[in-house]
Amino acid sequence: MATAAQIQNLRQYVNDDGDTPAYSDDYLSAQIDEFGSVSEAAAVIWRLKAADAADLVTTSEAGSTHSFSDLHKHALAMEK
């Protein structure tokens, strides 16, 4: 079972403030245990975040642009 410090480290690595129901302490602890380290668990979570963002597109309206498609690219960059 992962320690509280490891769980907190993982939260920092994946930019989670603790308000995301999907990333409960139990879930993060299980990821650390399954993948063997905080850094490996973080890489897996960033890949999951990238998958969630894969279908987002850049939109422009009313003179502003929202580059949602960049989220996928940034999540994959964080995975490394």
C-alpha atoms as a PDB file:
ATOM      1  CA  MET A   1       0.000   0.000   0.000  1.00  0.00           C
ATOM      2  CA  ALA A   2       1.335   3.396  -0.979  1.00  0.00           C
ATOM      3  CA  THR A   3       2.183   5.905   1.715  1.00  0.00           C
ATOM      4  CA  ALA A   4       0.417   9.249   2.137  1.00  0.00           C
ATOM      5  CA  ALA A   5       3.603  10.980   0.942  1.00  0.00           C
ATOM      6  CA  GLN A   6       3.676   8.881  -2.246  1.00  0.00           C
ATOM      7  CA  ILE A   7       0.020   9.672  -2.931  1.00  0.00           C
ATOM      8  CA  GLN A   8       0.688  13.390  -2.427  1.00  0.00           C
ATOM      9  CA  ASN A   9       3.697  13.188  -4.761  1.00  0.00           C
ATOM     10  CA  LEU A  10       1.575  11.500  -7.403  1.00  0.00           C
ATOM     11  CA  ARG A  11      -1.092  14.195  -7.057  1.00  0.00           C
ATOM     12  CA  GLN A  12       1.597  16.815  -7.706  1.00  0.00           C
ATOM     13  CA  TYR A  13       3.021  14.891 -10.682  1.00  0.00           C
ATOM     14  CA  VAL A  14      -0.387  14.649 -12.366  1.00  0.00           C
ATOM     15  CA  ASN A  15      -1.522  18.168 -11.465  1.00  0.00           C
ATOM     16  CA  ASP A  16      -4.438  17.007  -9.319  1.00  0.00           C
ATOM     17  CA  ASP A  17      -5.730  19.182  -6.498  1.00  0.00           C
ATOM     18  CA  GLY A  18      -7.665  16.353  -4.836  1.00  0.00           C
ATOM     19  CA  ASP A  19     -11.073  17.520  -6.054  1.00  0.00           C
ATOM     20  CA  THR A  20     -11.243  15.038  -8.937  1.00  0.00           C
ATOM     21  CA  PRO A  21     -13.406  12.084  -7.880  1.00  0.00           C
ATOM     22  CA  ALA A  22     -11.596   9.807 -10.350  1.00  0.00           C
ATOM     23  CA  TYR A  23      -8.336  10.327  -8.494  1.00  0.00           C
ATOM     24  CA  SER A  24      -9.219   9.232  -4.980  1.00  0.00           C
ATOM     25  CA  ASP A  25      -6.457   8.289  -2.566  1.00  0.00           C
ATOM     26  CA  ASP A  26      -7.422   4.632  -3.005  1.00  0.00           C
ATOM     27  CA  TYR A  27      -7.183   4.882  -6.799  1.00  0.00           C
ATOM     28  CA  LEU A  28      -3.805   6.615  -6.692  1.00  0.00           C
ATOM     29  CA  SER A  29      -2.498   4.136  -4.127  1.00  0.00           C
ATOM     30  CA  ALA A  30      -3.596   1.245  -6.351  1.00  0.00           C
ATOM     31  CA  GLN A  31      -1.837   2.815  -9.344  1.00  0.00           C
ATOM     32  CA  ILE A  32       1.404   3.187  -7.389  1.00  0.00           C
ATOM     33  CA  ASP A  33       1.160  -0.410  -6.180  1.00  0.00           C
ATOM     34  CA  GLU A  34       0.329  -1.769  -9.639  1.00  0.00           C
ATOM     35  CA  PHE A  35       3.041   0.086 -11.535  1.00  0.00           C
ATOM     36  CA  GLY A  36       5.704  -0.061  -8.831  1.00  0.00           C
ATOM     37  CA  SER A  37       6.580   3.608  -8.479  1.00  0.00           C
ATOM     38  CA  VAL A  38       5.129   7.080  -8.328  1.00  0.00           C
ATOM     39  CA  SER A  39       6.774   8.094 -11.606  1.00  0.00           C
ATOM     40  CA  GLU A  40       5.435   5.055 -13.495  1.00  0.00           C
ATOM     41  CA  ALA A  41       1.942   5.629 -12.085  1.00  0.00           C
ATOM     42  CA  ALA A  42       2.152   9.290 -13.125  1.00  0.00           C
ATOM     43  CA  ALA A  43       3.100   8.305 -16.674  1.00  0.00           C
ATOM     44  CA  VAL A  44       0.067   6.007 -16.898  1.00  0.00           C
ATOM     45  CA  ILE A  45      -2.269   8.719 -15.588  1.00  0.00           C
ATOM     46  CA  TRP A  46      -0.878  11.254 -18.074  1.00  0.00           C
ATOM     47  CA  ARG A  47      -1.520   8.739 -20.880  1.00  0.00           C
ATOM     48  CA  LEU A  48      -5.107   8.398 -19.630  1.00  0.00           C
ATOM     49  CA  LYS A  49      -5.467  12.183 -19.574  1.00  0.00           C
ATOM     50  CA  ALA A  50      -4.097  12.331 -23.124  1.00  0.00           C
ATOM     51  CA  ALA A  51      -6.638   9.734 -24.233  1.00  0.00           C
ATOM     52  CA  ASP A  52      -9.445  11.817 -22.696  1.00  0.00           C
ATOM     53  CA  ALA A  53      -8.237  14.869 -24.647  1.00  0.00           C
ATOM     54  CA  ALA A  54      -7.531  13.089 -27.939  1.00  0.00           C
ATOM     55  CA  ASP A  55     -10.787  14.101 -29.595  1.00  0.00           C
ATOM     56  CA  LEU A  56     -10.752  17.757 -28.554  1.00  0.00           C
ATOM     57  CA  VAL A  57     -10.341  20.340 -31.285  1.00  0.00           C
ATOM     58  CA  THR A  58      -9.295  23.963 -31.573  1.00  0.00           C
ATOM     59  CA  THR A  59     -12.269  26.286 -31.889  1.00  0.00           C
ATOM     60  CA  SER A  60     -12.608  29.920 -32.871  1.00  0.00           C
ATOM     61  CA  GLU A  61     -15.631  32.085 -32.248  1.00  0.00           C
ATOM     62  CA  ALA A  62     -16.388  35.693 -31.513  1.00  0.00           C
ATOM     63  CA  GLY A  63     -12.779  36.673 -32.128  1.00  0.00           C
ATOM     64  CA  SER A  64     -11.229  34.249 -29.651  1.00  0.00           C
ATOM     65  CA  THR A  65      -9.495  30.925 -30.161  1.00  0.00           C
ATOM     66  CA  HIS A  66      -9.521  28.016 -27.740  1.00  0.00           C
ATOM     67  CA  SER A  67      -6.730  25.540 -28.453  1.00  0.00           C
ATOM     68  CA  PHE A  68      -8.276  22.507 -26.786  1.00  0.00           C
ATOM     69  CA  SER A  69      -6.378  20.247 -29.183  1.00  0.00           C
ATOM     70  CA  ASP A  70      -3.156  21.289 -27.433  1.00  0.00           C
ATOM     71  CA  LEU A  71      -4.296  19.458 -24.283  1.00  0.00           C
ATOM     72  CA  HIS A  72      -3.590  16.096 -25.900  1.00  0.00           C
ATOM     73  CA  LYS A  73      -0.102  17.150 -26.981  1.00  0.00           C
ATOM     74  CA  HIS A  74       0.719  18.600 -23.552  1.00  0.00           C
ATOM     75  CA  ALA A  75      -0.524  15.522 -21.684  1.00  0.00           C
ATOM     76  CA  LEU A  76       1.668  13.285 -23.838  1.00  0.00           C
ATOM     77  CA  ALA A  77       4.634  15.583 -23.189  1.00  0.00           C
ATOM     78  CA  MET A  78       4.043  15.303 -19.432  1.00  0.00           C
ATOM     79  CA  GLU A  79       3.965  11.518 -19.654  1.00  0.00           C
ATOM     80  CA  LYS A  80       7.683  11.393 -20.450  1.00  0.00           C
END
